[in-house]
Protein backbone atom coordinates (compact mmCIF):
# COMPACT_ATOMS: atom_id res chain seq x y z
CA UNK A 1 16.35 12.37 -26.13
CA UNK A 2 15.32 12.23 -22.50
CA UNK A 3 16.61 13.45 -19.16
CA UNK A 4 19.34 12.12 -16.90
CA UNK A 5 18.36 11.93 -13.22
CA UNK A 6 19.53 10.20 -10.05
CA UNK A 7 17.71 7.05 -9.01
CA UNK A 8 17.96 4.19 -6.50
CA UNK A 9 18.62 0.91 -8.29
CA UNK A 10 18.81 -2.72 -7.15
CA UNK A 11 21.39 -4.17 -9.55
CA UNK A 12 21.59 -7.72 -8.22
CA UNK A 13 19.53 -10.01 -6.03
CA UNK A 14 20.06 -9.32 -2.35
CA UNK A 15 22.75 -6.73 -2.92
CA UNK A 16 22.67 -3.22 -1.46
CA UNK A 17 20.87 -0.61 -3.53
CA UNK A 18 22.94 2.03 -5.30
CA UNK A 19 22.40 5.57 -6.48
CA UNK A 20 22.78 5.52 -10.27
CA UNK A 21 22.29 7.82 -13.24
CA UNK A 22 18.96 6.97 -14.87
CA UNK A 23 17.82 8.04 -18.34
CA UNK A 24 14.13 8.99 -18.39
CA UNK A 25 12.71 9.14 -21.95
CA UNK A 26 10.48 11.96 -23.11
CA UNK A 27 6.85 10.83 -22.71
CA UNK A 28 5.27 9.03 -25.64
CA UNK A 29 1.55 8.64 -26.41
CA UNK A 30 -0.42 8.03 -23.22
CA UNK A 31 2.61 8.60 -20.99
CA UNK A 32 3.73 11.24 -18.50
CA UNK A 33 6.98 12.26 -16.83
CA UNK A 34 6.56 13.20 -13.18
CA UNK A 35 9.02 15.15 -11.06
CA UNK A 36 9.00 13.18 -7.81
CA UNK A 37 8.71 15.22 -4.61
CA UNK A 38 8.38 12.39 -2.07
CA UNK A 39 8.30 8.59 -2.05
CA UNK A 40 7.69 6.20 0.85
CA UNK A 41 9.95 3.21 1.55
CA UNK A 42 7.61 0.22 1.34
CA UNK A 43 8.29 -3.42 2.19
CA UNK A 44 7.45 -4.29 -1.41
CA UNK A 45 10.59 -2.43 -2.51
CA UNK A 46 12.60 -4.72 -0.23
CA UNK A 47 10.86 -7.74 -1.78
CA UNK A 48 12.03 -6.51 -5.19
CA UNK A 49 15.60 -6.09 -3.96
CA UNK A 50 15.57 -9.63 -2.52
CA UNK A 51 14.21 -11.13 -5.75
CA UNK A 52 10.94 -12.07 -4.05
CA UNK A 53 8.70 -10.75 -6.84
CA UNK A 54 10.53 -11.25 -10.16
CA UNK A 55 14.09 -11.72 -11.37
CA UNK A 56 13.96 -8.85 -13.86
CA UNK A 57 17.01 -7.05 -12.45
CA UNK A 58 18.06 -4.30 -12.39
CA UNK A 59 15.11 -2.63 -10.67
CA UNK A 60 14.43 1.07 -10.28
CA UNK A 61 12.80 0.98 -6.85
CA UNK A 62 10.11 3.15 -5.23
CA UNK A 63 6.37 3.39 -5.85
CA UNK A 64 4.58 5.27 -3.00
CA UNK A 65 5.02 8.68 -4.55
CA UNK A 66 3.65 12.15 -5.13
CA UNK A 67 4.96 14.90 -7.35
CA UNK A 68 4.34 17.34 -10.18
CA UNK A 69 3.65 16.43 -13.78
CA UNK A 70 6.63 17.65 -15.83
CA UNK A 71 5.45 16.64 -19.31
CA UNK A 72 2.74 14.57 -21.00
CA UNK A 73 2.70 12.66 -24.25
CA UNK A 74 0.35 12.74 -27.20
CA UNK A 75 -3.31 12.14 -26.43
CA UNK A 76 -3.09 12.76 -22.69
CA UNK A 77 -5.95 14.97 -21.48
CA UNK A 78 -6.55 13.76 -17.90
CA UNK A 79 -3.52 15.60 -16.50
CA UNK A 80 -1.34 18.54 -17.51
CA UNK A 81 2.13 19.84 -16.68
CA UNK A 82 2.16 21.38 -13.21
CA UNK A 83 -0.58 19.16 -11.78
CA UNK A 84 0.11 17.73 -8.30
CA UNK A 85 -0.46 13.98 -8.51
CA UNK A 86 -0.24 10.78 -6.51
CA UNK A 87 1.10 7.82 -8.47
CA UNK A 88 -0.74 4.49 -8.47
CA UNK A 89 0.28 1.07 -9.71
CA UNK A 90 -3.16 0.01 -11.01
CA UNK A 91 -4.03 2.26 -13.94
CA UNK A 92 -7.37 0.79 -14.99
CA UNK A 93 -7.94 0.04 -18.67
CA UNK A 94 -11.66 0.78 -18.89
CA UNK A 95 -12.32 -2.07 -21.31
CA UNK A 96 -11.61 -5.43 -19.66
CA UNK A 97 -14.35 -7.71 -18.36
CA UNK A 98 -14.09 -6.26 -14.82
CA UNK A 99 -14.25 -2.66 -16.04
CA UNK A 100 -17.18 -3.43 -18.35
CA UNK A 101 -19.07 -4.93 -15.41
CA UNK A 102 -18.64 -1.73 -13.40
CA UNK A 103 -15.92 -3.12 -11.13
CA UNK A 104 -12.83 -1.23 -12.29
CA UNK A 105 -11.04 -1.78 -8.95
CA UNK A 106 -10.64 -5.40 -10.15
CA UNK A 107 -9.26 -4.33 -13.55
CA UNK A 108 -7.48 -7.28 -15.15
CA UNK A 109 -5.53 -5.24 -17.72
CA UNK A 110 -3.88 -2.43 -15.78
CA UNK A 111 -1.14 -0.74 -17.74
CA UNK A 112 2.22 0.98 -17.37
CA UNK A 113 4.42 3.15 -19.55
CA UNK A 114 5.43 1.53 -22.83
CA UNK A 115 8.96 2.94 -22.99
CA UNK A 116 11.73 1.78 -20.69
CA UNK A 117 13.86 3.91 -18.41
CA UNK A 118 17.50 2.81 -18.47
CA UNK A 119 20.92 3.12 -16.92
CA UNK A 120 23.35 5.50 -18.59
CA UNK A 121 24.91 2.57 -20.50
CA UNK A 122 21.54 1.68 -22.03
CA UNK A 123 20.66 -1.23 -19.70
CA UNK A 124 16.85 -1.24 -19.40
CA UNK A 125 15.39 -0.90 -15.91
CA UNK A 126 12.35 -2.62 -14.44
CA UNK A 127 10.40 -0.03 -12.44
CA UNK A 128 8.98 -1.33 -9.15
CA UNK A 129 5.23 -1.85 -9.62
CA UNK A 130 5.53 -0.04 -12.92
CA UNK A 131 6.51 3.23 -11.24
CA UNK A 132 10.17 3.49 -10.13
CA UNK A 133 9.89 6.62 -8.01
CA UNK A 134 13.10 6.56 -5.98
CA UNK A 135 14.28 9.00 -8.62
CA UNK A 136 14.19 12.70 -9.35
CA UNK A 137 11.84 11.99 -12.26
CA UNK A 138 10.00 8.91 -13.48
CA UNK A 139 8.08 7.83 -16.57
CA UNK A 140 4.61 6.34 -16.06
CA UNK A 141 1.38 5.77 -17.91
CA UNK A 142 -0.81 8.87 -17.62
CA UNK A 143 -3.49 6.71 -15.98
CA UNK A 144 -1.09 6.09 -13.11
CA UNK A 145 -1.32 9.78 -12.16
CA UNK A 146 -4.20 10.91 -9.96
CA UNK A 147 -4.58 14.65 -9.48
CA UNK A 148 -5.21 15.67 -5.86
CA UNK A 149 -5.43 18.88 -3.85
CA UNK A 150 -2.01 20.52 -3.93
CA UNK A 151 -2.36 21.75 -0.35
CA UNK A 152 -1.49 18.23 0.85
CA UNK A 153 2.13 17.61 1.84
CA UNK A 154 3.86 15.37 -0.75
CA UNK A 155 5.33 13.26 2.09
CA UNK A 156 1.87 12.13 3.16
CA UNK A 157 -0.01 12.26 -0.15
CA UNK A 158 2.35 9.73 -1.70
CA UNK A 159 1.58 7.15 0.98
CA UNK A 160 -1.82 6.64 -0.61
CA UNK A 161 0.08 5.11 -3.52
CA UNK A 162 0.43 1.76 -1.74
CA UNK A 163 0.54 0.76 1.95
CA UNK A 164 -1.77 3.30 3.55
CA UNK A 165 -4.33 2.89 0.78
CA UNK A 166 -4.12 -0.89 1.10
CA UNK A 167 -4.97 -0.73 4.81
CA UNK A 168 -7.66 1.92 4.55
CA UNK A 169 -9.29 0.10 1.66
CA UNK A 170 -9.10 -3.29 3.36
CA UNK A 171 -11.43 -1.93 6.03
CA UNK A 172 -13.56 0.55 4.09
CA UNK A 173 -13.98 -1.26 0.76
CA UNK A 174 -12.98 -4.94 0.92
CA UNK A 175 -14.21 -5.52 4.47
CA UNK A 176 -17.20 -3.17 4.05
CA UNK A 177 -16.97 -2.10 7.69
CA UNK A 178 -20.07 -0.21 8.71
CA UNK A 179 -21.42 1.79 11.66
CA UNK A 180 -21.48 -0.22 14.87
CA UNK A 181 -19.26 -3.05 13.60
CA UNK A 182 -16.51 -4.65 15.64
CA UNK A 183 -13.17 -5.02 13.86
CA UNK A 184 -9.94 -6.80 14.76
CA UNK A 185 -6.70 -5.98 12.94
CA UNK A 186 -3.89 -8.55 13.11
CA UNK A 187 -0.55 -6.84 12.53
CA UNK A 188 -0.18 -3.16 13.44
CA UNK A 189 2.54 -1.97 11.09
CA UNK A 190 1.84 0.67 8.47
CA UNK A 191 -0.87 -1.29 6.63
CA UNK A 192 -2.50 -2.50 9.85
CA UNK A 193 -2.56 0.96 11.41
CA UNK A 194 -4.15 2.26 8.21
CA UNK A 195 -6.79 -0.47 8.54
CA UNK A 196 -7.45 0.70 12.10
CA UNK A 197 -7.90 4.27 10.85
CA UNK A 198 -10.14 3.06 8.03
CA UNK A 199 -12.33 1.08 10.41
CA UNK A 200 -12.85 4.13 12.59
CA UNK A 201 -13.64 6.29 9.55
CA UNK A 202 -16.23 3.72 8.47
CA UNK A 203 -17.99 3.88 11.85
CA UNK A 204 -16.74 0.83 13.72
CA UNK A 205 -17.32 1.21 17.45
CA UNK A 206 -14.93 -1.54 18.59
CA UNK A 207 -11.53 -1.69 16.90
CA UNK A 208 -9.01 -4.16 18.32
CA UNK A 209 -5.34 -4.05 17.36
CA UNK A 210 -3.38 -7.31 17.68
CA UNK A 211 0.40 -7.55 17.53
CA UNK A 212 3.44 -9.08 19.23
CA UNK A 213 5.12 -5.69 19.64
CA UNK A 214 3.84 -3.36 22.41
CA UNK A 215 5.26 -0.39 20.49
CA UNK A 216 3.09 -1.16 17.50
CA UNK A 217 0.05 -1.57 19.73
CA UNK A 218 0.70 1.91 21.06
CA UNK A 219 0.76 3.19 17.48
CA UNK A 220 -2.53 1.43 16.76
CA UNK A 221 -4.10 3.21 19.72
CA UNK A 222 -2.98 6.51 18.23
CA UNK A 223 -4.80 5.68 15.01
CA UNK A 224 -8.03 4.87 16.82
CA UNK A 225 -7.88 1.34 18.23
CA UNK A 226 -10.27 1.10 21.17
CA UNK A 227 -8.54 -2.02 22.53
CA UNK A 228 -5.24 -3.80 21.97
CA UNK A 229 -4.11 -7.40 22.41
CA UNK A 230 -0.48 -8.38 22.96
CA UNK A 231 -0.38 -11.75 21.19
CA UNK A 232 2.96 -12.56 22.86
CA UNK A 233 1.31 -12.50 26.28
CA UNK A 234 -2.22 -13.85 25.73
CA UNK A 235 -4.31 -15.93 23.33
CA UNK A 236 -5.62 -13.40 20.79
CA UNK A 237 -8.64 -15.53 19.88
CA UNK A 238 -9.88 -15.68 23.47
CA UNK A 239 -8.97 -12.05 24.12
CA UNK A 240 -10.99 -10.85 21.13
CA UNK A 241 -13.97 -12.97 22.09
CA UNK A 242 -13.91 -11.50 25.59
CA UNK A 243 -13.99 -7.99 24.08
CA UNK A 244 -16.92 -8.80 21.79
CA UNK A 245 -19.43 -10.42 24.12
CA UNK A 246 -18.02 -13.89 23.52
CA UNK A 247 -18.90 -13.89 19.82
CA UNK A 248 -15.83 -12.66 17.96
CA UNK A 249 -15.53 -9.60 15.75
CA UNK A 250 -17.62 -8.83 12.68
CA UNK A 251 -14.61 -8.08 10.48
CA UNK A 252 -11.04 -9.33 10.75
CA UNK A 253 -8.19 -7.82 8.79
CA UNK A 254 -5.07 -9.96 8.47
CA UNK A 255 -2.23 -7.54 7.76
CA UNK A 256 0.68 -9.91 8.37
CA UNK A 257 0.49 -12.40 5.51
CA UNK A 258 1.20 -15.59 7.49
CA UNK A 259 -0.83 -18.84 7.66
CA UNK A 260 -0.78 -19.05 11.46
CA UNK A 261 -2.10 -15.50 11.79
CA UNK A 262 -4.74 -16.23 9.15
CA UNK A 263 -5.82 -19.30 11.16
CA UNK A 264 -6.16 -17.23 14.33
CA UNK A 265 -8.23 -14.61 12.54
CA UNK A 266 -10.43 -17.29 10.99
CA UNK A 267 -11.06 -18.90 14.38
CA UNK A 268 -11.84 -15.59 16.08
CA UNK A 269 -14.52 -14.41 13.62
CA UNK A 270 -18.12 -14.17 14.66
CA UNK A 271 -20.39 -16.54 12.75
CA UNK A 272 -20.92 -15.15 9.25
CA UNK A 273 -18.12 -12.65 9.87
CA UNK A 274 -15.72 -11.37 7.23
CA UNK A 275 -12.00 -12.12 7.06
CA UNK A 276 -9.91 -9.85 4.85
CA UNK A 277 -6.33 -10.76 3.97
CA UNK A 278 -4.24 -7.75 3.00
CA UNK A 279 -0.87 -8.96 4.32
CA UNK A 280 1.28 -10.30 1.48
CA UNK A 281 2.43 -13.94 1.91
CA UNK A 282 5.46 -15.56 0.32
CA UNK A 283 4.93 -18.07 -2.52
CA UNK A 284 5.78 -21.07 -0.34
CA UNK A 285 3.06 -20.46 2.26
CA UNK A 286 0.03 -22.77 2.40
CA UNK A 287 -3.38 -22.74 4.08
CA UNK A 288 -4.87 -25.91 5.53
CA UNK A 289 -8.18 -26.34 7.32
CA UNK A 290 -11.00 -28.90 7.55
CA UNK A 291 -13.59 -28.05 4.92
CA UNK A 292 -16.35 -28.41 7.50
CA UNK A 293 -14.84 -25.48 9.40
CA UNK A 294 -14.87 -23.37 6.25
CA UNK A 295 -18.47 -24.36 5.54
CA UNK A 296 -19.73 -24.23 9.10
CA UNK A 297 -18.67 -20.71 10.04
CA UNK A 298 -20.17 -19.03 7.01
CA UNK A 299 -19.29 -15.46 6.18
CA UNK A 300 -16.69 -14.30 3.71
CA UNK A 301 -12.97 -14.78 3.14
CA UNK A 302 -11.67 -11.99 0.92
CA UNK A 303 -8.20 -11.10 -0.35
CA UNK A 304 -7.73 -7.36 -0.72
CA UNK A 305 -5.84 -6.07 -3.77
CA UNK A 306 -4.65 -2.53 -3.12
CA UNK A 307 -7.57 -2.11 -0.75
CA UNK A 308 -9.96 -2.60 -3.69
CA UNK A 309 -9.45 1.10 -4.34
CA UNK A 310 -10.23 3.15 -7.43
CA UNK A 311 -7.53 5.84 -7.39
CA UNK A 312 -9.39 8.57 -9.29
CA UNK A 313 -12.32 8.15 -6.89
CA UNK A 314 -10.53 7.45 -3.61
CA UNK A 315 -7.29 9.46 -3.59
CA UNK A 316 -8.99 12.89 -3.85
CA UNK A 317 -11.57 11.84 -1.25
CA UNK A 318 -8.95 10.68 1.25
CA UNK A 319 -6.79 13.76 0.71
CA UNK A 320 -9.92 15.79 1.41
CA UNK A 321 -10.40 13.96 4.71
CA UNK A 322 -6.75 14.62 5.53
CA UNK A 323 -7.10 18.35 4.88
CA UNK A 324 -10.25 18.40 7.04
CA UNK A 325 -8.30 16.87 9.93
CA UNK A 326 -10.29 13.62 9.84
CA UNK A 327 -7.50 11.34 8.59
CA UNK A 328 -4.12 11.73 10.27
CA UNK A 329 -1.74 10.81 7.45
CA UNK A 330 1.09 12.77 9.09
CA UNK A 331 1.26 10.16 11.85
CA UNK A 332 2.46 7.53 9.36
CA UNK A 333 5.65 9.45 8.54
CA UNK A 334 8.34 8.30 10.98
CA UNK A 335 11.21 10.12 9.25
CA UNK A 336 12.19 11.87 6.06
CA UNK A 337 15.39 10.86 4.29
CA UNK A 338 17.45 11.56 1.17
CA UNK A 339 17.77 9.30 -1.89
CA UNK A 340 21.13 7.95 -0.74
CA UNK A 341 19.66 6.77 2.59
CA UNK A 342 17.24 4.15 1.24
CA UNK A 343 19.46 1.17 2.13
CA UNK A 344 19.61 2.26 5.79
CA UNK A 345 15.84 2.81 5.75
CA UNK A 346 15.36 -0.82 4.65
CA UNK A 347 17.27 -1.98 7.73
CA UNK A 348 15.19 0.23 10.06
CA UNK A 349 12.04 -1.15 8.47
CA UNK A 350 13.22 -4.74 8.97
CA UNK A 351 13.89 -3.99 12.64
CA UNK A 352 10.38 -2.56 13.05
CA UNK A 353 11.65 0.88 14.03
CA UNK A 354 9.48 2.90 11.63
CA UNK A 355 6.01 2.98 10.11
CA UNK A 356 7.29 4.78 7.04
CA UNK A 357 10.55 6.37 6.02
CA UNK A 358 9.86 8.85 3.25
CA UNK A 359 12.38 10.01 0.65
CA UNK A 360 12.03 13.75 0.06
CA UNK A 361 13.52 15.25 -3.07
């Protein structure tokens, strides 16, 4: 049994994505089928297409999604058909060592659906981040569905499923930005702009956006940056120090994922400041620094996984802030597109023309 739907598939490494017929099984125990209403085009999907994550082709792409629960499997009580949900790629297990210690955002045994979606000829598909939401319906673990207020637009709610949540959480949770802090964000794309918004929500009084692209700096200002630094025209380390009384910022968020940017952020921290890396590097990248510099500056260096979020706690809270007018999620949506326009959206993303293209079904 199951349902045939249309989905965007990467069949081979580096090749263009194609719209294919996908067979979605009926949900088994602990699983749910979700009718997708909207899904953002994230850089991670492009990494999958290029073979930068695994070689388990073919991939069913898409993971920043919101939609309605269509059906649930045996034993599922947390959601019901008709619920409006945001999908997440870290369904916590509740029983691993991190969960038992009260730190479920570090869960080491997150889970996905057991059954496989497939092409019409039976070829099994690997869903991007265990979701595969560039499709009219998708099969996920029930724990990957977080019920939120249905008054939120699907186009914006789904963005909490990855990039926007990563940036918000990097500031609010990983970086622990607090009232009166100074914050510098390196890289003002979608994740970086979300970090700017998160820093302002957390009470930072000085928020500095750093980028090579004046257009992105303008976007950062719209999300609440109090100052911007064009790193193509001036030394960002010295510029940030001049904006923070000569000391450097309290919290730095590296949203690029590049060693040279990391080194700049490290050098520009205030003593005992925090450096958060949320930008995703490639496997070949390396960090090098004298150990005395690491020791001598103190503070904290922290990678941020998914913004250290807990979806069932944070998604409803952030949607509430959106509905109150305190978090402008609409600003992240540069355009809405159809399923057959994902390949073109990848090219616009690579050229830096959009914060987020969003597939609307």
